[in-house]
Protein backbone atom coordinates (compact mmCIF):
# COMPACT_ATOMS: atom_id res chain seq x y z
CA UNK A 1 336.74 32.25 80.63
CA UNK A 2 337.36 29.59 83.26
CA UNK A 3 334.08 27.83 82.38
CA UNK A 4 335.20 27.66 78.74
CA UNK A 5 338.50 26.12 79.86
CA UNK A 6 336.59 23.56 81.97
CA UNK A 7 334.41 22.48 79.04
CA UNK A 8 337.44 22.02 76.81
CA UNK A 9 339.29 20.25 79.64
CA UNK A 10 336.53 17.61 79.75
CA UNK A 11 336.84 17.02 76.00
CA UNK A 12 340.62 16.91 76.37
CA UNK A 13 340.33 14.34 79.16
CA UNK A 14 338.24 12.19 76.84
CA UNK A 15 341.00 12.46 74.23
CA UNK A 16 338.79 14.39 71.78
CA UNK A 17 340.72 17.70 71.95
CA UNK A 18 344.10 18.92 73.11
CA UNK A 19 344.34 20.39 76.61
CA UNK A 20 341.59 23.02 77.12
CA UNK A 21 343.73 26.13 77.42
CA UNK A 22 345.57 25.28 74.23
CA UNK A 23 342.39 24.93 72.19
CA UNK A 24 341.05 28.25 73.50
CA UNK A 25 344.37 29.90 72.62
CA UNK A 26 344.20 28.40 69.12
CA UNK A 27 340.63 29.62 68.67
CA UNK A 28 341.57 33.13 69.81
CA UNK A 29 344.55 33.20 67.42
CA UNK A 30 342.25 32.03 64.61
CA UNK A 31 339.65 34.69 65.41
CA UNK A 32 342.31 37.40 65.55
CA UNK A 33 343.75 36.08 62.27
CA UNK A 34 340.32 36.39 60.70
CA UNK A 35 340.06 40.00 61.87
CA UNK A 36 343.55 40.76 60.56
CA UNK A 37 342.80 39.15 57.21
CA UNK A 38 339.58 41.12 56.79
CA UNK A 39 341.48 44.27 57.77
CA UNK A 40 344.12 43.52 55.11
CA UNK A 41 341.43 42.98 52.48
CA UNK A 42 339.66 46.21 53.43
CA UNK A 43 342.79 48.41 53.63
CA UNK A 44 344.26 47.02 50.43
CA UNK A 45 340.94 47.63 48.67
CA UNK A 46 340.67 51.21 49.91
CA UNK A 47 344.13 52.02 48.56
CA UNK A 48 343.63 50.10 45.30
CA UNK A 49 340.37 51.92 44.45
CA UNK A 50 342.40 54.77 43.02
CA UNK A 51 343.70 52.58 40.21
CA UNK A 52 346.67 50.36 40.55
CA UNK A 53 349.58 49.79 38.22
CA UNK A 54 351.88 49.23 41.20
CA UNK A 55 350.60 47.12 44.14
CA UNK A 56 350.21 50.09 46.48
CA UNK A 57 347.51 48.31 48.51
CA UNK A 58 349.88 45.48 49.40
CA UNK A 59 352.74 47.90 50.04
CA UNK A 60 350.61 50.01 52.40
CA UNK A 61 349.38 46.93 54.27
CA UNK A 62 352.92 45.59 54.64
CA UNK A 63 354.31 48.91 55.85
CA UNK A 64 351.42 49.54 58.26
CA UNK A 65 351.81 45.97 59.54
CA UNK A 66 355.53 46.50 60.15
CA UNK A 67 354.84 49.75 62.00
CA UNK A 68 352.19 48.06 64.15
CA UNK A 69 354.35 45.04 64.93
CA UNK A 70 357.20 47.30 66.07
CA UNK A 71 354.89 49.47 68.14
CA UNK A 72 352.94 46.62 69.72
CA UNK A 73 356.00 44.42 70.27
CA UNK A 74 357.56 47.13 72.42
CA UNK A 75 354.34 48.06 74.20
CA UNK A 76 353.21 44.50 74.91
CA UNK A 77 356.68 43.13 75.73
CA UNK A 78 358.52 46.04 77.37
CA UNK A 79 356.16 48.77 78.52
CA UNK A 80 353.11 46.92 79.86
CA UNK A 81 352.71 43.62 81.63
CA UNK A 82 350.50 41.77 79.18
CA UNK A 83 349.47 38.14 79.39
CA UNK A 84 351.63 36.03 77.02
CA UNK A 85 348.48 34.61 75.42
CA UNK A 86 347.25 38.12 74.61
CA UNK A 87 350.65 38.96 73.08
CA UNK A 88 350.52 35.79 70.99
CA UNK A 89 346.96 36.47 69.84
CA UNK A 90 347.83 40.04 68.82
CA UNK A 91 351.25 39.41 67.28
CA UNK A 92 350.64 36.08 65.55
CA UNK A 93 346.88 36.10 65.09
CA UNK A 94 345.92 39.70 64.35
CA UNK A 95 349.11 40.99 62.75
CA UNK A 96 349.96 37.62 61.20
CA UNK A 97 346.57 37.66 59.51
CA UNK A 98 347.05 41.29 58.51
CA UNK A 99 350.49 40.70 57.00
CA UNK A 100 353.17 38.06 57.36
CA UNK A 101 355.61 40.70 56.15
CA UNK A 102 355.39 42.21 59.65
CA UNK A 103 356.75 38.95 61.10
CA UNK A 104 359.60 39.05 58.58
CA UNK A 105 360.32 42.67 59.52
CA UNK A 106 360.31 41.93 63.26
CA UNK A 107 362.50 38.84 62.93
CA UNK A 108 365.02 40.73 60.78
CA UNK A 109 364.98 43.66 63.22
CA UNK A 110 365.61 41.27 66.12
CA UNK A 111 368.58 39.75 64.30
CA UNK A 112 369.98 43.27 63.75
CA UNK A 113 369.43 44.17 67.42
CA UNK A 114 371.34 41.03 68.43
CA UNK A 115 374.23 41.99 66.17
CA UNK A 116 373.55 39.12 63.76
CA UNK A 117 374.10 41.28 60.66
CA UNK A 118 375.00 38.42 58.34
CA UNK A 119 371.89 36.46 59.37
CA UNK A 120 369.73 39.56 58.93
CA UNK A 121 371.15 40.10 55.45
CA UNK A 122 370.65 36.43 54.64
CA UNK A 123 367.04 36.63 55.82
CA UNK A 124 366.34 39.70 53.67
CA UNK A 125 368.07 38.26 50.62
CA UNK A 126 366.69 34.72 50.90
CA UNK A 127 363.15 35.88 51.67
CA UNK A 128 362.97 38.34 48.80
CA UNK A 129 364.93 36.54 46.10
CA UNK A 130 363.71 33.11 47.21
CA UNK A 131 360.13 34.33 47.40
CA UNK A 132 360.15 35.79 43.90
CA UNK A 133 361.97 32.72 42.57
CA UNK A 134 359.44 30.34 44.11
CA UNK A 135 356.52 32.39 42.78
CA UNK A 136 358.08 31.92 39.33
CA UNK A 137 358.64 28.16 39.95
CA UNK A 138 355.05 27.69 41.13
CA UNK A 139 353.69 29.68 38.20
CA UNK A 140 355.84 27.78 35.71
CA UNK A 141 354.86 24.42 37.22
CA UNK A 142 351.15 25.25 37.16
CA UNK A 143 351.40 26.48 33.59
CA UNK A 144 353.06 23.19 32.55
CA UNK A 145 350.29 21.03 34.04
């Protein structure tokens, strides 16, 4: 790993790339995001094969993602001493690629843990109502073009 950092450090010194460790971290997050995205596609497809009038594939992916983010957040943050880069790659890259709903769930949970009930409610309300509203706005705008 150190040799990879050194190669990127040379390119960074020449002004071609950001500092070497940052670019490696970005590449690892991107790779983990790819794996998470493929996992989402696969799992959603497995569930949807049974016929879908309700988006069960998406629901299952979102719920599994929320379970995993809760589990891994505790394990990687509280139980085990894990390198911050590894935590970032897993939480943002892998699970972020799998489902951004897991990030929403974790952030709302954190607000609740901190006693910020009004902010948690605002996050839930704004994310859900705002999300559906903006899907409608985007759809309406595209239809008008």
